[in-house]
Protein backbone atom coordinates (compact mmCIF):
# COMPACT_ATOMS: atom_id res chain seq x y z
CA UNK A 1 9.55 39.78 20.94
CA UNK A 2 9.75 36.07 21.07
CA UNK A 3 12.35 34.48 18.77
CA UNK A 4 10.91 32.22 15.97
CA UNK A 5 12.27 29.06 17.67
CA UNK A 6 11.44 28.88 21.34
CA UNK A 7 10.91 26.20 23.96
CA UNK A 8 7.21 26.13 24.28
CA UNK A 9 5.61 25.71 27.79
CA UNK A 10 1.81 25.24 27.84
CA UNK A 11 0.19 25.90 31.12
CA UNK A 12 -3.57 25.35 31.50
CA UNK A 13 -4.96 23.16 34.34
CA UNK A 14 -1.90 21.06 33.84
CA UNK A 15 1.74 21.82 32.69
CA UNK A 16 3.83 19.93 30.27
CA UNK A 17 6.73 20.67 28.00
CA UNK A 18 6.96 19.70 24.35
CA UNK A 19 9.97 17.51 23.65
CA UNK A 20 11.25 19.42 20.52
CA UNK A 21 12.05 22.99 19.91
CA UNK A 22 9.14 24.16 17.78
CA UNK A 23 8.28 27.53 16.08
CA UNK A 24 5.91 29.74 18.01
CA UNK A 25 4.26 30.81 14.78
CA UNK A 26 3.06 27.32 13.88
CA UNK A 27 -0.60 27.55 12.91
CA UNK A 28 -0.91 23.85 13.63
CA UNK A 29 0.62 24.21 17.06
CA UNK A 30 -1.66 27.13 17.80
CA UNK A 31 -4.65 25.06 16.72
CA UNK A 32 -3.43 22.19 18.96
CA UNK A 33 -3.11 24.57 22.01
CA UNK A 34 -6.56 26.02 21.41
CA UNK A 35 -8.16 22.49 21.39
CA UNK A 36 -6.39 21.69 24.61
CA UNK A 37 -7.59 25.02 26.14
CA UNK A 38 -11.18 24.50 25.20
CA UNK A 39 -10.92 20.89 26.34
CA UNK A 40 -11.96 19.34 22.95
CA UNK A 41 -8.75 17.42 23.28
CA UNK A 42 -7.15 16.09 26.55
CA UNK A 43 -3.45 16.02 26.95
CA UNK A 44 -2.03 12.81 25.57
CA UNK A 45 1.74 12.68 25.50
CA UNK A 46 1.91 10.30 22.50
CA UNK A 47 -0.56 12.41 20.57
CA UNK A 48 1.49 15.47 21.55
CA UNK A 49 4.58 13.91 19.91
CA UNK A 50 2.70 13.11 16.83
CA UNK A 51 1.76 16.87 16.59
CA UNK A 52 5.41 17.79 16.93
CA UNK A 53 6.23 15.48 14.00
CA UNK A 54 3.50 17.20 11.95
CA UNK A 55 4.77 20.66 12.90
CA UNK A 56 8.15 19.80 11.65
CA UNK A 57 6.59 18.97 8.31
CA UNK A 58 4.40 21.94 8.22
CA UNK A 59 7.37 24.24 8.69
CA UNK A 60 9.50 22.41 6.00
CA UNK A 61 6.70 22.94 3.48
CA UNK A 62 6.40 26.60 4.34
CA UNK A 63 10.15 26.92 3.81
CA UNK A 64 9.91 24.89 0.58
CA UNK A 65 12.29 22.44 2.04
CA UNK A 66 12.40 18.57 1.38
CA UNK A 67 11.41 16.48 4.36
CA UNK A 68 10.59 12.90 4.95
CA UNK A 69 6.81 12.08 4.95
CA UNK A 70 4.96 10.62 7.86
CA UNK A 71 2.94 7.39 8.41
CA UNK A 72 0.72 7.75 11.44
CA UNK A 73 -0.63 4.35 12.62
CA UNK A 74 -2.52 3.10 15.65
CA UNK A 75 -5.76 1.69 16.92
CA UNK A 76 -9.14 3.16 16.07
CA UNK A 77 -10.21 6.36 17.75
CA UNK A 78 -6.64 7.51 18.60
CA UNK A 79 -7.11 10.88 16.67
CA UNK A 80 -5.06 10.10 13.64
CA UNK A 81 -7.53 11.56 11.23
CA UNK A 82 -8.12 14.51 13.44
CA UNK A 83 -4.43 15.20 13.56
CA UNK A 84 -3.86 14.99 9.79
CA UNK A 85 -6.88 17.18 9.05
CA UNK A 86 -5.51 19.76 11.57
CA UNK A 87 -2.24 19.62 9.74
CA UNK A 88 -3.92 19.96 6.34
CA UNK A 89 -6.09 22.90 7.41
CA UNK A 90 -3.22 24.77 9.08
CA UNK A 91 -1.12 24.67 5.92
CA UNK A 92 -1.12 27.92 4.19
CA UNK A 93 0.32 26.68 0.98
CA UNK A 94 -1.94 26.42 -2.20
CA UNK A 95 -0.69 23.18 -3.60
CA UNK A 96 -2.06 20.45 -1.28
CA UNK A 97 -4.34 17.55 -1.52
CA UNK A 98 -6.26 15.62 1.03
CA UNK A 99 -8.29 12.43 0.15
CA UNK A 100 -9.28 9.08 1.47
CA UNK A 101 -6.83 6.44 0.36
CA UNK A 102 -9.34 4.40 -1.65
CA UNK A 103 -10.22 7.71 -3.47
CA UNK A 104 -6.59 8.02 -4.35
CA UNK A 105 -6.32 4.51 -5.74
CA UNK A 106 -9.58 5.07 -7.71
CA UNK A 107 -7.91 8.12 -9.30
CA UNK A 108 -4.71 6.12 -10.06
CA UNK A 109 -6.76 3.34 -11.79
CA UNK A 110 -8.82 5.89 -13.82
CA UNK A 111 -5.69 7.71 -14.96
CA UNK A 112 -3.98 4.47 -15.89
CA UNK A 113 -6.92 3.56 -18.17
CA UNK A 114 -6.86 6.95 -19.74
CA UNK A 115 -3.19 6.76 -20.68
CA UNK A 116 -3.00 2.96 -21.44
CA UNK A 117 -0.04 2.23 -23.67
CA UNK A 118 2.00 5.19 -22.56
CA UNK A 119 5.62 4.59 -21.56
CA UNK A 120 6.21 5.09 -17.72
CA UNK A 121 2.56 5.82 -16.94
CA UNK A 122 3.14 6.05 -13.14
CA UNK A 123 5.77 8.72 -13.60
CA UNK A 124 3.37 10.66 -15.77
CA UNK A 125 0.63 10.43 -13.11
CA UNK A 126 3.15 11.39 -10.38
CA UNK A 127 4.21 14.44 -12.44
CA UNK A 128 0.62 15.46 -12.81
CA UNK A 129 0.08 15.08 -9.13
CA UNK A 130 3.26 17.01 -8.29
CA UNK A 131 2.00 19.98 -10.35
CA UNK A 132 -1.15 19.94 -8.18
CA UNK A 133 0.27 19.24 -4.73
CA UNK A 134 3.48 19.49 -2.84
CA UNK A 135 1.97 17.32 -0.14
CA UNK A 136 -0.74 14.61 -0.30
CA UNK A 137 -2.60 13.55 2.85
CA UNK A 138 -4.09 10.00 2.76
CA UNK A 139 -6.64 8.91 5.23
CA UNK A 140 -6.89 5.22 6.06
CA UNK A 141 -4.07 3.61 4.19
CA UNK A 142 -5.18 0.09 3.81
CA UNK A 143 -4.19 -2.67 1.26
CA UNK A 144 -6.55 -5.59 0.47
CA UNK A 145 -6.29 -6.02 -3.24
CA UNK A 146 -3.39 -7.41 -5.15
CA UNK A 147 -3.70 -4.81 -7.94
CA UNK A 148 -3.36 -1.95 -5.49
CA UNK A 149 -0.44 -3.80 -3.73
CA UNK A 150 1.43 -4.10 -6.87
CA UNK A 151 0.86 -0.45 -7.95
CA UNK A 152 1.87 1.13 -4.66
CA UNK A 153 5.53 0.71 -4.92
CA UNK A 154 5.69 2.34 -8.36
CA UNK A 155 3.48 5.24 -7.45
CA UNK A 156 5.27 5.89 -4.17
CA UNK A 157 8.62 5.82 -5.88
CA UNK A 158 7.44 8.15 -8.60
CA UNK A 159 5.93 10.69 -6.10
CA UNK A 160 9.27 10.56 -4.17
CA UNK A 161 11.19 11.50 -7.31
CA UNK A 162 8.91 14.35 -7.99
CA UNK A 163 9.42 15.57 -4.43
CA UNK A 164 5.91 15.15 -3.12
CA UNK A 165 5.53 14.71 0.59
CA UNK A 166 3.14 12.04 1.74
CA UNK A 167 1.28 12.11 5.12
CA UNK A 168 -0.93 9.08 5.73
CA UNK A 169 -2.92 7.46 8.62
CA UNK A 170 -3.59 3.87 9.06
CA UNK A 171 -4.83 1.33 11.54
CA UNK A 172 -2.00 -0.93 10.43
CA UNK A 173 1.70 -0.76 11.13
CA UNK A 174 3.81 -0.88 7.82
CA UNK A 175 5.14 -4.39 8.55
CA UNK A 176 1.54 -5.71 8.78
CA UNK A 177 0.19 -4.26 5.60
CA UNK A 178 -1.59 -6.81 3.29
CA UNK A 179 -0.77 -9.46 5.90
CA UNK A 180 -1.93 -12.91 4.58
CA UNK A 181 -2.77 -11.36 1.18
CA UNK A 182 -2.52 -13.04 -2.19
CA UNK A 183 1.17 -12.83 -3.42
CA UNK A 184 2.27 -10.80 -0.38
CA UNK A 185 5.92 -11.64 -0.82
CA UNK A 186 5.74 -9.46 -3.99
CA UNK A 187 4.53 -6.68 -1.87
CA UNK A 188 7.40 -6.83 0.64
CA UNK A 189 9.68 -4.45 -1.34
CA UNK A 190 6.91 -1.85 -1.27
CA UNK A 191 6.73 -2.17 2.49
CA UNK A 192 10.44 -1.49 2.62
CA UNK A 193 10.00 1.46 0.34
CA UNK A 194 7.24 2.89 2.56
CA UNK A 195 9.47 2.62 5.53
CA UNK A 196 12.37 4.31 3.69
CA UNK A 197 10.42 7.27 2.39
CA UNK A 198 8.10 7.77 5.37
CA UNK A 199 8.82 8.13 9.09
CA UNK A 200 6.29 5.78 10.72
CA UNK A 201 4.96 6.92 14.10
CA UNK A 202 2.80 4.55 16.32
CA UNK A 203 -0.01 6.55 17.88
CA UNK A 204 -0.65 4.07 20.53
CA UNK A 205 -2.63 4.49 23.82
CA UNK A 206 -5.65 3.32 25.60
CA UNK A 207 -8.04 6.29 24.98
CA UNK A 208 -10.55 5.91 22.16
CA UNK A 209 -11.62 9.45 21.47
CA UNK A 210 -14.84 8.26 19.67
CA UNK A 211 -16.12 6.76 22.94
CA UNK A 212 -15.71 10.17 24.66
CA UNK A 213 -18.84 11.72 23.14
CA UNK A 214 -21.36 12.21 25.90
CA UNK A 215 -24.52 12.83 23.78
CA UNK A 216 -25.93 10.41 21.11
CA UNK A 217 -29.04 10.16 18.94
CA UNK A 218 -29.09 6.60 17.83
CA UNK A 219 -29.26 5.84 14.16
CA UNK A 220 -28.46 2.13 14.49
CA UNK A 221 -31.57 0.04 15.28
CA UNK A 222 -31.97 -3.56 16.10
CA UNK A 223 -34.87 -4.83 14.02
CA UNK A 224 -36.34 -7.00 16.76
CA UNK A 225 -37.05 -3.90 18.92
CA UNK A 226 -36.74 -0.81 16.76
CA UNK A 227 -38.52 -1.25 13.46
CA UNK A 228 -40.73 1.66 14.35
CA UNK A 229 -37.73 3.87 14.99
CA UNK A 230 -36.16 3.08 11.69
CA UNK A 231 -39.50 3.73 9.94
CA UNK A 232 -39.87 7.04 11.71
CA UNK A 233 -36.48 8.11 10.40
CA UNK A 234 -37.59 7.11 6.79
CA UNK A 235 -40.79 9.26 7.24
CA UNK A 236 -38.82 12.31 8.48
CA UNK A 237 -36.66 12.07 5.36
CA UNK A 238 -39.71 11.73 3.04
CA UNK A 239 -38.50 8.18 1.96
CA UNK A 240 -41.53 5.98 0.99
CA UNK A 241 -41.32 2.29 0.33
CA UNK A 242 -41.38 2.47 -3.51
CA UNK A 243 -39.08 -0.22 -4.91
CA UNK A 244 -37.40 0.73 -8.19
CA UNK A 245 -34.24 0.40 -10.02
CA UNK A 246 -31.31 2.91 -10.55
CA UNK A 247 -28.09 2.77 -12.46
CA UNK A 248 -24.98 2.93 -10.29
CA UNK A 249 -21.71 2.98 -12.11
CA UNK A 250 -23.59 1.84 -15.30
CA UNK A 251 -24.99 -1.18 -13.69
CA UNK A 252 -28.65 -1.68 -12.51
CA UNK A 253 -29.29 -1.77 -8.72
CA UNK A 254 -32.68 -2.28 -6.91
CA UNK A 255 -33.55 0.22 -4.14
CA UNK A 256 -36.33 0.26 -1.63
CA UNK A 257 -37.06 4.00 -1.83
CA UNK A 258 -35.59 7.43 -1.98
CA UNK A 259 -36.06 11.18 -1.68
CA UNK A 260 -34.06 14.18 -2.80
CA UNK A 261 -31.10 13.73 -0.23
CA UNK A 262 -31.91 10.19 0.91
CA UNK A 263 -31.87 6.66 -0.46
CA UNK A 264 -32.87 3.31 1.07
CA UNK A 265 -31.21 -0.11 0.21
CA UNK A 266 -31.45 -3.70 1.45
CA UNK A 267 -28.03 -4.69 2.89
CA UNK A 268 -27.38 -7.58 0.72
CA UNK A 269 -28.40 -5.63 -2.50
CA UNK A 270 -25.74 -3.05 -1.61
CA UNK A 271 -23.02 -5.07 -0.16
CA UNK A 272 -23.39 -8.51 -1.88
CA UNK A 273 -22.40 -9.19 -5.38
CA UNK A 274 -20.07 -7.20 -7.91
CA UNK A 275 -19.88 -3.85 -6.05
CA UNK A 276 -16.90 -1.79 -5.11
CA UNK A 277 -15.85 1.54 -3.54
CA UNK A 278 -16.55 3.15 -6.95
CA UNK A 279 -20.31 2.58 -6.37
CA UNK A 280 -20.14 4.03 -2.87
CA UNK A 281 -18.29 7.04 -4.06
CA UNK A 282 -21.11 7.73 -6.62
CA UNK A 283 -23.72 7.19 -4.02
CA UNK A 284 -22.05 9.63 -1.59
CA UNK A 285 -21.83 12.08 -4.58
CA UNK A 286 -25.71 12.21 -4.79
CA UNK A 287 -27.04 11.44 -1.36
CA UNK A 288 -26.42 12.74 2.20
CA UNK A 289 -28.40 10.06 4.03
CA UNK A 290 -28.15 6.38 3.28
CA UNK A 291 -30.75 3.94 4.91
CA UNK A 292 -29.65 0.35 5.05
CA UNK A 293 -32.15 -2.28 6.32
CA UNK A 294 -31.84 -5.91 7.11
CA UNK A 295 -28.10 -5.77 8.00
CA UNK A 296 -27.18 -9.37 9.01
CA UNK A 297 -24.48 -10.62 11.41
CA UNK A 298 -21.15 -11.10 9.56
CA UNK A 299 -18.04 -13.06 10.19
CA UNK A 300 -17.83 -15.99 12.58
CA UNK A 301 -17.18 -19.44 11.05
CA UNK A 302 -13.82 -19.40 9.17
CA UNK A 303 -13.67 -21.49 5.93
CA UNK A 304 -11.58 -22.07 2.82
CA UNK A 305 -12.47 -19.68 0.05
CA UNK A 306 -11.21 -19.60 -3.62
CA UNK A 307 -10.16 -16.09 -4.33
CA UNK A 308 -9.24 -14.43 -7.64
CA UNK A 309 -8.54 -10.68 -8.07
CA UNK A 310 -11.97 -9.14 -7.50
CA UNK A 311 -14.46 -9.15 -10.24
CA UNK A 312 -15.78 -5.98 -8.61
CA UNK A 313 -12.66 -4.07 -9.49
CA UNK A 314 -13.67 -3.59 -13.04
CA UNK A 315 -11.12 -0.78 -13.66
CA UNK A 316 -8.13 -2.87 -12.79
CA UNK A 317 -8.32 -5.59 -15.43
CA UNK A 318 -4.95 -4.84 -16.78
CA UNK A 319 -3.54 -6.85 -13.93
CA UNK A 320 -4.64 -10.65 -13.81
CA UNK A 321 -3.79 -12.92 -10.91
CA UNK A 322 -4.55 -16.67 -10.48
CA UNK A 323 -7.06 -18.02 -8.01
CA UNK A 324 -5.84 -18.90 -4.53
CA UNK A 325 -7.20 -20.52 -1.42
CA UNK A 326 -7.56 -18.24 1.56
CA UNK A 327 -9.35 -18.36 4.91
CA UNK A 328 -12.26 -16.01 5.39
CA UNK A 329 -15.15 -15.50 7.80
CA UNK A 330 -18.79 -15.98 6.81
CA UNK A 331 -19.71 -13.27 4.32
CA UNK A 332 -16.32 -11.52 4.60
CA UNK A 333 -16.78 -10.15 1.06
CA UNK A 334 -20.03 -8.43 2.19
CA UNK A 335 -18.20 -7.19 5.28
CA UNK A 336 -15.36 -5.76 3.25
CA UNK A 337 -17.75 -3.79 1.08
CA UNK A 338 -19.60 -2.56 4.07
CA UNK A 339 -16.33 -1.26 5.45
CA UNK A 340 -15.71 0.66 2.19
CA UNK A 341 -19.28 2.01 2.33
CA UNK A 342 -19.00 3.27 5.78
CA UNK A 343 -15.50 4.73 5.15
CA UNK A 344 -16.82 6.60 2.13
CA UNK A 345 -19.82 8.15 3.93
CA UNK A 346 -17.86 8.95 7.10
CA UNK A 347 -15.06 10.66 5.06
CA UNK A 348 -17.60 12.75 3.26
CA UNK A 349 -19.35 13.55 6.69
CA UNK A 350 -22.63 11.93 5.63
CA UNK A 351 -25.01 9.73 7.61
CA UNK A 352 -25.84 6.02 7.55
CA UNK A 353 -29.09 4.92 9.29
CA UNK A 354 -29.20 1.17 9.94
CA UNK A 355 -31.78 -1.43 10.80
CA UNK A 356 -29.86 -4.47 11.86
CA UNK A 357 -30.54 -7.99 13.10
CA UNK A 358 -28.03 -7.56 15.90
CA UNK A 359 -26.34 -4.88 18.05
CA UNK A 360 -23.35 -2.93 16.75
CA UNK A 361 -20.87 -4.81 18.94
CA UNK A 362 -22.21 -8.11 17.64
CA UNK A 363 -22.18 -7.09 14.04
CA UNK A 364 -18.93 -8.87 13.10
CA UNK A 365 -17.93 -12.20 14.69
CA UNK A 366 -14.41 -12.58 13.52
CA UNK A 367 -12.60 -13.37 10.33
CA UNK A 368 -10.24 -11.90 7.81
CA UNK A 369 -11.26 -8.27 8.14
CA UNK A 370 -11.64 -8.20 12.00
CA UNK A 371 -9.18 -5.28 12.44
CA UNK A 372 -10.66 -3.20 9.70
CA UNK A 373 -14.12 -3.81 11.06
CA UNK A 374 -13.11 -2.28 14.49
CA UNK A 375 -12.77 1.01 12.45
CA UNK A 376 -16.26 0.50 10.97
CA UNK A 377 -17.82 -0.04 14.38
CA UNK A 378 -15.99 3.01 15.77
CA UNK A 379 -17.24 5.18 12.93
CA UNK A 380 -20.75 3.98 13.12
CA UNK A 381 -20.64 4.90 16.75
CA UNK A 382 -19.26 8.33 16.01
CA UNK A 383 -22.09 8.87 13.46
CA UNK A 384 -24.53 8.46 16.33
CA UNK A 385 -22.96 11.27 18.29
CA UNK A 386 -24.69 14.65 18.43
CA UNK A 387 -21.24 16.34 17.63
CA UNK A 388 -21.15 14.42 14.29
CA UNK A 389 -24.80 14.99 13.42
CA UNK A 390 -24.81 18.71 14.28
CA UNK A 391 -22.20 19.35 11.64
CA UNK A 392 -24.58 17.97 8.88
CA UNK A 393 -26.53 20.80 7.36
CA UNK A 394 -30.25 20.48 8.02
CA UNK A 395 -29.98 17.38 10.31
CA UNK A 396 -29.71 18.69 13.82
CA UNK A 397 -32.56 21.21 13.37
CA UNK A 398 -34.85 18.42 12.08
CA UNK A 399 -34.05 15.79 14.73
CA UNK A 400 -32.95 17.45 17.94
CA UNK A 401 -36.38 17.18 19.54
CA UNK A 402 -36.98 13.60 18.26
CA UNK A 403 -34.38 11.61 20.12
CA UNK A 404 -33.31 11.34 23.67
CA UNK A 405 -29.61 11.37 24.73
CA UNK A 406 -27.86 8.07 25.34
CA UNK A 407 -24.37 6.99 26.48
CA UNK A 408 -21.79 5.35 24.24
CA UNK A 409 -22.15 1.94 25.86
CA UNK A 410 -25.96 2.00 25.43
CA UNK A 411 -25.60 2.88 21.76
CA UNK A 412 -22.94 0.20 21.15
CA UNK A 413 -24.80 -2.69 22.90
CA UNK A 414 -28.47 -1.82 22.25
CA UNK A 415 -30.44 0.14 19.72
CA UNK A 416 -32.73 2.59 21.43
CA UNK A 417 -36.03 0.94 21.97
CA UNK A 418 -39.28 2.56 20.68
CA UNK A 419 -40.25 4.09 24.08
CA UNK A 420 -36.89 5.94 24.60
CA UNK A 421 -36.07 6.84 20.97
CA UNK A 422 -39.24 8.67 20.01
CA UNK A 423 -39.95 11.71 21.99
CA UNK A 424 -43.47 12.65 23.03
């Protein structure tokens, strides 16, 4: 019988040795080995080290021991979310929580409103969370709002006091969080706190796993060539052009059409004006397929912009900040909302079908949210993969015969033209 702690040697078509002594009974490690064996993952030494770090925390939680949390950061497509989800799924403990970071902040803001006037509200919230979860997994840790920036230090400290482990992923290293943001000097102590409470691990490397999909069904169409393709998608989802108004987060919003599972918006209607991630959360609660037409090119020319704490963040009015001049790209506010929209539907494994004025690679031309928009482009690419779509109930069966297979580069640089997108 093997001892609980053994040096693990994995031999498949290659041989490598894990750098830490790890338990053979780790469910996470077994899952990782299985993915290597079935070649759904390729051996990546840096990714392997990240798995080792997660296994240490898996075992600490199983033994009910305290252990420092983990901050996984790196470029898009490096497998951060995949590894965190493997960790979460492998945990056999009951009290655990996994959510997108903006969902977590939405929860915090809602709770603060509910207990307004209470002494030490963040400690009360942390206590409630600790009763629900011994570990909280955040996906896409990202700070672009002064209200969130000011809250984070307090909530992280409170969660630490209540012995809640935090595992998070981010495209941004801790020292670069909220870089250039309004009042960032007031956020620096929070960065120090994050680095103190969490072990930060750079998941660097050249390989973008989202470009490794070999089969695609395009759902991103350039309007100059593919209006028919977009219209065909609308028809298959029983979405007719019947303009009407709906209420979203208690505010009226015009739509172009909808069916039971699908809804169709003009881009500017959905991403321009006083909208926030709260609207997109509610949309994803009710619809599996989101059609967005007339998506325009964003970013490019950088100009001075007067910024005050967002009017769209209606649930954070307890914190008021003065206006400030910042440099932004053309329509960066729209781009920021579009990022939140894609994050929400991706995290809920739902689909966005887009009719755009330009290709996916040309969609953002540079500006304040350039790094975050790389994640958006990567996620929109993954949404077009057959692997992603096949996991959506009712999608693959309806569309498998309709679209030809394309490569990642073809999907990124061109929408499928009518002759290749629509099968005979």
